Amino acid sequence: MGETTGGGGWRRAGFAGAAIGVLAAGAAAGVAVERLTVGRSVRQKARLALDATGPYGTLRGTPGRALADDGTVLAYETDGTDGAGGTGAADGTGAADGARVVDGAGETGGSGAAGGTGAAEGSGEAPVTVVFSHGFCLSQDSWHYQREALRGRVRTVFWDQRGHGRSARGPEEPVTIDRLGRDLKAVIDAAAPEGPLVLVGHSMGGMTVMALADRHPELIRDRVVGVALIGTSAGRLEEVSYGLPLAGVNAVRRVLPGVLRALGSQAELVEKGRRATADLFAGLVKKYSFASKDVDPAVVRFAERMIESVPVDVVAAFYPAFGAHDKLAALAAFRDLSALALAGDQDLVTPASHTEAIAEALPGSRLVVVPDAGHLVMLERPGAVTDALTALLARAGEGPDNG
């Protein structure tokens, strides 16, 4: 069939675009009712106003480029320990968020990121580097609050996964989680070739960290002193229902790879359709990214912008990787390290039960379940996430609280 640009064609493109928006957010579901009672022009003006609100996505560090083993250029940025920038997360302390904490090694960490610049600072040794890996259809900017709180206090690396943010797409399709693990190794080699490491990953980024451990256990053994796995899974993602009847979700999964390949071949038409269904897309992003009613609208819009920036053919190239992901055995590489497993208690994309399973595989880990929080917990409850990371750094003997 040829492309149709009439009313019916655009309508079909709109629904196709909305479907891709669903995938980017993590699943399918309804739209907030209040959007039906507000005029489209009013909503458009509100989006434009929110685009100019807040500092989200504006924090920048020293840029660098890593070359993956297939030649793909991966963009990263580093922040040093020169005291520049960062005033802490605006959400307050983790205690205020009421997170449920289970610490298999005993509670040793403090809260807040006050003082110190890393254990190795001034000792003649390379300081600790905290490497942040983001999730599917996001970018390094998704760590905005944690970057703000930690900059100037500990050396950090933030990078964009291939096809996301400022990184190139690369020639390999479909993209596997193992491929992403090799990419992370390339970033570490370029941005932090020596010194202790703390690895932090959210969602797909957590899977990337697991893939690195699976392929390079010697790197984990020799250099990694701590790991944080946030809103992620070690496998069995086919069991996730996204809050919908599992039978229906399974039916969609059977046909979805073929549908995505077809849509990816008509990326331009689908992208136009996705823009035409912006209201539906926004409702889905909010439902599957956040859980609380008081989340800042500017943060929600920031998440929308990140997700909608990922082209449909990139979504199609990555999608099969999640069904194939199984890295439970790889967690063994982290058993002797300070570890954090954290999730929002209402995460519909990678449910908290998957994070609890990770904690069970790491008996000395600290499990933090943040109440009234969804998949983008680091944006929704940034204080809880930042405090948990700071406590992890302290337990690893490398953090800002160790000064």
Protein backbone atom coordinates (compact mmCIF):
# COMPACT_ATOMS: atom_id res chain seq x y z
CA MET A 1 0.00 0.00 0.00
CA GLY A 2 1.20 3.53 -0.79
CA GLU A 3 1.39 6.37 1.70
CA THR A 4 -1.88 8.18 2.31
CA THR A 5 -1.87 11.77 3.43
CA GLY A 6 -5.63 12.34 3.46
CA GLY A 7 -7.73 12.53 6.61
CA GLY A 8 -7.85 8.75 7.10
CA GLY A 9 -4.11 8.42 6.46
CA TRP A 10 -3.21 11.08 8.98
CA ARG A 11 -5.56 9.52 11.47
CA ARG A 12 -3.87 6.17 11.03
CA ALA A 13 -0.47 7.82 11.27
CA GLY A 14 -1.62 9.54 14.44
CA PHE A 15 -2.62 6.27 16.03
CA ALA A 16 0.64 4.68 14.91
CA GLY A 17 2.56 7.58 16.41
CA ALA A 18 0.59 7.26 19.62
CA ALA A 19 1.49 3.58 19.74
CA ILE A 20 5.17 4.44 19.47
CA GLY A 21 4.71 6.97 22.24
CA VAL A 22 3.27 4.17 24.34
CA LEU A 23 6.33 2.04 23.72
CA ALA A 24 8.65 4.87 24.57
CA ALA A 25 6.91 5.41 27.88
CA GLY A 26 6.82 1.70 28.57
CA ALA A 27 3.26 0.41 27.86
CA ALA A 28 -0.28 1.22 26.83
CA ALA A 29 -3.10 2.81 28.80
CA GLY A 30 -5.63 5.63 28.89
CA VAL A 31 -5.29 9.39 28.82
CA ALA A 32 -5.94 11.76 31.71
CA VAL A 33 -9.58 12.84 31.63
CA GLU A 34 -8.86 16.51 32.24
CA ARG A 35 -7.16 16.75 28.84
CA LEU A 36 -10.54 16.23 27.21
CA THR A 37 -11.93 19.34 28.86
CA VAL A 38 -9.18 21.79 27.88
CA GLY A 39 -8.86 23.26 24.41
CA ARG A 40 -6.01 22.07 22.17
CA SER A 41 -4.63 25.58 21.68
CA VAL A 42 -4.56 26.10 25.44
CA ARG A 43 -2.68 22.85 25.92
CA GLN A 44 -0.21 23.79 23.18
CA LYS A 45 0.47 27.15 24.82
CA ALA A 46 0.93 25.39 28.15
CA ARG A 47 3.50 23.02 26.63
CA LEU A 48 5.43 25.90 25.12
CA ALA A 49 5.40 27.73 28.45
CA LEU A 50 6.62 24.63 30.29
CA ASP A 51 9.42 24.17 27.74
CA ALA A 52 10.87 27.45 28.99
CA THR A 53 10.38 26.60 32.68
CA GLY A 54 13.09 25.32 34.98
CA PRO A 55 16.72 24.35 34.44
CA TYR A 56 16.02 20.77 33.32
CA GLY A 57 18.46 19.62 30.69
CA THR A 58 20.69 22.69 30.97
CA LEU A 59 23.50 21.29 33.12
CA ARG A 60 26.57 20.66 31.00
CA GLY A 61 30.02 19.31 31.73
CA THR A 62 33.25 18.82 29.83
CA PRO A 63 32.29 17.06 26.59
CA GLY A 64 34.04 13.99 25.27
CA ARG A 65 33.57 11.25 22.70
CA ALA A 66 34.14 7.54 23.01
CA LEU A 67 34.42 5.21 20.04
CA ALA A 68 32.48 1.96 20.36
CA ASP A 69 34.05 -1.20 18.94
CA ASP A 70 31.80 -0.93 15.87
CA GLY A 71 32.87 2.66 15.22
CA THR A 72 29.81 4.36 16.72
CA VAL A 73 30.56 7.73 18.34
CA LEU A 74 29.21 7.92 21.91
CA ALA A 75 28.85 11.32 23.58
CA TYR A 76 29.67 11.77 27.25
CA GLU A 77 30.32 14.63 29.67
CA THR A 78 32.39 14.76 32.84
CA ASP A 79 32.05 16.88 35.95
CA GLY A 80 35.09 17.20 38.18
CA THR A 81 35.66 17.95 41.85
CA ASP A 82 36.49 21.63 41.51
CA GLY A 83 33.53 22.79 43.58
CA ALA A 84 31.65 24.22 40.59
CA GLY A 85 27.87 24.03 40.51
CA GLY A 86 25.33 22.01 42.42
CA THR A 87 23.08 23.10 45.24
CA GLY A 88 21.45 19.81 46.15
CA ALA A 89 18.14 18.28 45.12
CA ALA A 90 15.13 20.47 45.59
CA ASP A 91 13.02 17.57 46.77
CA GLY A 92 14.61 17.46 50.19
CA THR A 93 15.94 14.43 52.01
CA GLY A 94 15.25 10.78 51.48
CA ALA A 95 13.66 10.58 54.91
CA ALA A 96 11.08 13.14 53.87
CA ASP A 97 10.16 10.91 50.94
CA GLY A 98 9.43 8.06 53.33
CA ALA A 99 11.33 5.42 51.39
CA ARG A 100 11.22 1.86 52.72
CA VAL A 101 14.83 0.82 53.26
CA VAL A 102 16.20 -2.69 53.72
CA ASP A 103 19.96 -2.75 54.27
CA GLY A 104 21.49 -6.20 54.22
CA ALA A 105 24.84 -4.84 55.38
CA GLY A 106 23.59 -2.60 58.18
CA GLU A 107 22.81 1.11 57.95
CA THR A 108 26.00 3.10 57.55
CA GLY A 109 25.19 5.91 55.13
CA GLY A 110 24.24 9.49 55.86
CA SER A 111 21.98 11.78 53.85
CA GLY A 112 22.72 14.79 51.75
CA ALA A 113 25.85 15.45 49.71
CA ALA A 114 27.66 17.81 52.07
CA GLY A 115 31.43 18.05 52.21
CA GLY A 116 34.27 16.00 50.84
CA THR A 117 35.36 15.33 47.29
CA GLY A 118 36.02 11.59 47.22
CA ALA A 119 38.37 9.42 49.21
CA ALA A 120 41.25 9.57 46.77
CA GLU A 121 41.27 13.36 46.36
CA GLY A 122 44.65 14.80 47.20
CA SER A 123 46.17 11.37 47.84
CA GLY A 124 48.01 11.08 44.55
CA GLU A 125 45.60 8.40 43.39
CA ALA A 126 42.85 8.76 40.80
CA PRO A 127 39.60 9.84 42.47
CA VAL A 128 36.46 7.75 42.31
CA THR A 129 34.37 8.28 39.18
CA VAL A 130 30.61 7.74 39.27
CA VAL A 131 29.33 6.67 35.84
CA PHE A 132 25.62 7.23 35.13
CA SER A 133 23.78 5.20 32.45
CA HIS A 134 20.28 6.33 31.46
CA GLY A 135 17.19 4.42 30.40
CA PHE A 136 15.35 3.73 27.14
CA CYS A 137 14.13 6.82 25.26
CA LEU A 138 15.82 9.14 27.75
CA SER A 139 19.24 10.82 27.79
CA GLN A 140 22.01 11.74 30.20
CA ASP A 141 19.88 14.75 31.19
CA SER A 142 17.45 12.43 33.00
CA TRP A 143 19.95 12.56 35.90
CA HIS A 144 19.47 16.32 36.26
CA TYR A 145 18.87 16.40 40.02
CA GLN A 146 21.60 13.93 40.91
CA ARG A 147 24.06 15.76 38.68
CA GLU A 148 23.20 19.04 40.35
CA ALA A 149 23.63 17.59 43.84
CA LEU A 150 26.91 15.78 43.21
CA ARG A 151 28.77 18.14 40.89
CA GLY A 152 31.87 19.59 42.43
CA ARG A 153 31.79 16.92 45.16
CA VAL A 154 32.68 13.75 43.27
CA ARG A 155 33.88 13.10 39.73
CA THR A 156 31.01 12.01 37.49
CA VAL A 157 30.49 10.79 33.92
CA PHE A 158 27.14 11.07 32.14
CA TRP A 159 26.74 9.53 28.69
CA ASP A 160 24.10 9.09 26.02
CA GLN A 161 23.32 5.56 24.89
CA ARG A 162 23.63 5.01 21.13
CA GLY A 163 20.71 6.51 19.22
CA HIS A 164 19.83 8.70 22.20
CA GLY A 165 20.78 12.27 23.08
CA ARG A 166 23.96 13.35 21.32
CA SER A 167 25.29 9.87 20.51
CA ALA A 168 25.26 8.40 17.01
CA ARG A 169 22.95 5.54 16.14
CA GLY A 170 25.48 3.00 14.93
CA PRO A 171 25.22 0.33 12.25
CA GLU A 172 23.97 -2.57 14.35
CA GLU A 173 20.26 -3.36 14.30
CA PRO A 174 18.55 -4.68 16.25
CA VAL A 175 20.44 -3.33 19.24
CA THR A 176 21.11 -5.82 22.04
CA ILE A 177 21.72 -5.22 25.73
CA ASP A 178 25.08 -6.93 25.30
CA ARG A 179 25.93 -4.32 22.66
CA LEU A 180 25.13 -1.58 25.21
CA GLY A 181 27.41 -3.23 27.76
CA ARG A 182 30.28 -3.02 25.27
CA ASP A 183 29.40 0.63 24.68
CA LEU A 184 29.65 1.33 28.41
CA LYS A 185 33.11 -0.26 28.45
CA ALA A 186 34.17 2.10 25.64
CA VAL A 187 32.91 5.10 27.60
CA ILE A 188 34.77 4.00 30.73
CA ASP A 189 37.97 3.45 28.75
CA ALA A 190 37.71 6.97 27.32
CA ALA A 191 36.35 8.95 30.27
CA ALA A 192 37.69 7.06 33.32
CA PRO A 193 40.57 4.83 32.27
CA GLU A 194 41.91 4.50 35.83
CA GLY A 195 40.78 4.77 39.41
CA PRO A 196 37.83 3.33 41.35
CA LEU A 197 34.37 3.34 39.79
CA VAL A 198 30.79 3.45 41.01
CA LEU A 199 28.30 2.37 38.35
CA VAL A 200 24.76 3.78 38.35
CA GLY A 201 22.07 2.64 35.92
CA HIS A 202 18.38 3.36 35.52
CA SER A 203 16.06 0.97 33.66
CA MET A 204 17.86 0.07 30.40
CA GLY A 205 20.94 1.71 31.90
CA GLY A 206 20.85 -0.79 34.76
CA MET A 207 20.65 -3.60 32.21
CA THR A 208 23.65 -2.04 30.46
CA VAL A 209 25.61 -2.19 33.73
CA MET A 210 24.67 -5.87 34.13
CA ALA A 211 25.81 -6.58 30.56
CA LEU A 212 29.16 -4.92 31.32
CA ALA A 213 29.57 -7.16 34.36
CA ASP A 214 28.66 -10.22 32.32
CA ARG A 215 31.29 -9.49 29.67
CA HIS A 216 33.98 -7.87 31.84
CA PRO A 217 33.87 -9.39 35.35
CA GLU A 218 37.56 -8.52 35.72
CA LEU A 219 36.74 -4.82 35.43
CA ILE A 220 34.16 -5.16 38.18
CA ARG A 221 36.60 -7.08 40.36
CA ASP A 222 39.55 -4.75 39.85
CA ARG A 223 37.98 -1.28 39.75
CA VAL A 224 34.31 -1.11 40.75
CA VAL A 225 33.64 -0.27 44.40
CA GLY A 226 29.88 0.26 44.25
CA VAL A 227 26.85 -0.22 42.04
CA ALA A 228 23.35 1.30 41.99
CA LEU A 229 20.57 -0.36 40.00
CA ILE A 230 17.52 1.89 39.82
CA GLY A 231 14.10 0.99 38.43
CA THR A 232 15.55 -1.87 36.41
CA SER A 233 15.32 -5.62 35.90
CA ALA A 234 17.61 -8.61 35.57
CA GLY A 235 15.17 -10.37 33.23
CA ARG A 236 11.70 -11.93 32.85
CA LEU A 237 10.32 -8.72 31.42
CA GLU A 238 7.79 -10.78 29.49
CA GLU A 239 5.91 -11.12 32.78
CA VAL A 240 5.34 -7.35 33.12
CA SER A 241 1.71 -6.40 32.43
CA TYR A 242 2.06 -2.59 32.61
CA GLY A 243 -1.09 -2.50 34.72
CA LEU A 244 -3.13 -4.15 31.94
CA PRO A 245 -4.64 -7.64 31.50
CA LEU A 246 -1.68 -9.92 30.84
CA ALA A 247 -3.46 -11.84 28.06
CA GLY A 248 -3.92 -8.66 26.06
CA VAL A 249 -0.33 -7.57 26.63
CA ASN A 250 0.95 -10.97 25.44
CA ALA A 251 -1.16 -10.72 22.30
CA VAL A 252 0.33 -7.32 21.54
CA ARG A 253 3.84 -8.64 22.16
CA ARG A 254 3.38 -11.33 19.52
CA VAL A 255 2.66 -8.85 16.74
CA LEU A 256 4.59 -5.84 17.97
CA PRO A 257 8.04 -6.62 16.49
CA GLY A 258 6.59 -6.84 12.98
CA VAL A 259 4.51 -3.70 13.49
CA LEU A 260 7.54 -1.80 14.72
CA ARG A 261 9.63 -2.87 11.73
CA ALA A 262 6.88 -1.67 9.41
CA LEU A 263 6.51 1.63 11.23
CA GLY A 264 10.27 2.09 11.31
CA SER A 265 10.30 1.95 7.51
CA GLN A 266 7.86 4.89 7.46
CA ALA A 267 9.54 6.88 10.19
CA GLU A 268 8.77 10.32 8.76
CA LEU A 269 5.03 9.64 8.52
CA VAL A 270 4.91 8.13 12.00
CA GLU A 271 6.81 11.04 13.54
CA LYS A 272 4.27 13.43 12.04
CA GLY A 273 1.51 11.31 13.49
CA ARG A 274 3.17 11.28 16.89
CA ARG A 275 3.32 15.06 16.89
CA ALA A 276 -0.32 15.21 15.84
CA THR A 277 -1.30 13.12 18.86
CA ALA A 278 0.79 15.10 21.35
CA ASP A 279 -1.99 15.23 23.94
CA LEU A 280 -2.43 11.46 23.96
CA PHE A 281 1.34 11.00 24.07
CA ALA A 282 1.69 13.37 27.01
CA GLY A 283 -0.98 11.53 28.97
CA LEU A 284 0.74 8.20 28.40
CA VAL A 285 4.14 9.55 29.38
CA LYS A 286 2.75 10.90 32.63
CA LYS A 287 0.92 7.69 33.48
CA TYR A 288 3.90 5.43 32.87
CA SER A 289 6.66 7.71 34.11
CA PHE A 290 5.21 9.20 37.31
CA ALA A 291 2.84 8.13 40.06
CA SER A 292 2.34 11.12 42.34
CA LYS A 293 -0.26 13.83 41.77
CA ASP A 294 2.07 16.61 42.90
CA VAL A 295 4.86 16.07 40.36
CA ASP A 296 6.05 19.36 38.85
CA PRO A 297 4.38 19.89 35.41
CA ALA A 298 7.70 21.24 34.11
CA VAL A 299 9.36 17.93 35.06
CA VAL A 300 6.61 15.99 33.27
CA ARG A 301 7.09 18.12 30.17
CA PHE A 302 10.86 17.63 30.40
CA ALA A 303 10.31 13.86 30.36
CA GLU A 304 8.00 14.22 27.35
CA ARG A 305 10.66 16.12 25.45
CA MET A 306 13.30 13.48 26.11
CA ILE A 307 11.03 10.63 25.09
CA GLU A 308 9.62 12.30 22.00
CA SER A 309 13.14 13.16 20.81
CA VAL A 310 13.94 9.49 20.13
CA PRO A 311 13.06 8.58 16.52
CA VAL A 312 10.66 5.73 15.87
CA ASP A 313 13.26 3.67 14.03
CA VAL A 314 15.52 3.83 17.09
CA VAL A 315 12.62 2.63 19.24
CA ALA A 316 12.10 -0.24 16.78
CA ALA A 317 15.80 -1.16 16.82
CA PHE A 318 15.94 -1.39 20.62
CA TYR A 319 12.60 -3.03 21.40
CA PRO A 320 13.55 -6.72 20.84
CA ALA A 321 16.43 -6.39 23.33
CA PHE A 322 14.14 -6.25 26.34
CA GLY A 323 12.42 -9.57 25.72
CA ALA A 324 15.81 -11.24 25.33
CA HIS A 325 17.35 -9.62 28.41
CA ASP A 326 18.43 -12.11 31.09
CA LYS A 327 21.32 -11.07 33.31
CA LEU A 328 20.43 -12.53 36.70
CA ALA A 329 23.62 -14.61 36.71
CA ALA A 330 25.72 -11.53 35.93
CA LEU A 331 24.73 -9.98 39.26
CA ALA A 332 27.17 -12.37 40.95
CA ALA A 333 29.97 -10.00 39.93
CA PHE A 334 28.56 -7.39 42.33
CA ARG A 335 28.08 -9.61 45.42
CA ASP A 336 31.14 -8.37 47.29
CA LEU A 337 30.49 -4.68 46.56
CA SER A 338 28.45 -1.95 48.19
CA ALA A 339 25.22 -2.10 46.23
CA LEU A 340 21.95 -0.21 46.01
CA ALA A 341 18.71 -1.51 44.51
CA LEU A 342 16.06 1.22 44.30
CA ALA A 343 12.61 1.51 42.73
CA GLY A 344 9.38 3.44 42.92
CA ASP A 345 6.64 1.41 44.54
CA GLN A 346 4.22 2.17 41.67
CA ASP A 347 6.59 1.58 38.76
CA LEU A 348 4.50 0.01 35.97
CA VAL A 349 7.41 -0.44 33.54
CA THR A 350 9.96 -2.30 35.69
CA PRO A 351 7.94 -3.12 38.82
CA ALA A 352 9.50 -2.91 42.27
CA SER A 353 9.32 -6.71 42.49
CA HIS A 354 12.10 -6.86 39.87
CA THR A 355 14.27 -4.57 41.99
CA GLU A 356 13.52 -6.70 45.04
CA ALA A 357 14.69 -9.75 43.06
CA ILE A 358 17.96 -7.92 42.34
CA ALA A 359 18.39 -7.17 46.05
CA GLU A 360 17.80 -10.83 46.87
CA ALA A 361 20.60 -11.76 44.47
CA LEU A 362 22.88 -9.27 46.26
CA PRO A 363 22.55 -10.18 49.95
CA GLY A 364 24.65 -7.26 51.20
CA SER A 365 22.78 -4.67 49.15
CA ARG A 366 20.56 -1.87 50.37
CA LEU A 367 17.00 -2.06 49.04
CA VAL A 368 15.11 1.24 48.84
CA VAL A 369 11.46 1.33 47.74
CA VAL A 370 10.24 4.89 47.30
CA PRO A 371 6.52 5.41 47.98
CA ASP A 372 4.22 7.19 45.55
CA ALA A 373 6.81 7.06 42.78
CA GLY A 374 6.81 5.67 39.26
CA HIS A 375 9.41 4.66 36.69
CA LEU A 376 11.24 8.00 36.52
CA VAL A 377 11.83 7.98 40.26
CA MET A 378 15.04 10.02 39.97
CA LEU A 379 13.00 12.93 38.58
CA GLU A 380 9.86 12.39 40.64
CA ARG A 381 11.52 11.83 44.04
CA PRO A 382 15.04 13.15 43.45
CA GLY A 383 15.85 13.63 47.13
CA ALA A 384 15.31 9.97 47.91
CA VAL A 385 17.48 8.88 44.98
CA THR A 386 20.26 11.40 45.66
CA ASP A 387 20.39 10.51 49.36
CA ALA A 388 20.51 6.80 48.58
CA LEU A 389 23.37 7.36 46.12
CA THR A 390 25.25 9.51 48.63
CA ALA A 391 24.85 6.81 51.27
CA LEU A 392 26.11 4.23 48.76
CA LEU A 393 29.23 6.32 48.10
CA ALA A 394 29.83 6.61 51.83
CA ARG A 395 29.46 2.85 52.34
CA ALA A 396 31.89 2.27 49.49
CA GLY A 397 34.35 4.57 51.28
CA GLU A 398 34.48 6.86 48.28
CA GLY A 399 31.69 9.36 48.76
CA PRO A 400 31.15 12.98 49.65
CA ASP A 401 30.21 12.02 53.19
CA ASN A 402 33.60 10.41 53.66
CA GLY A 403 35.44 13.72 53.88
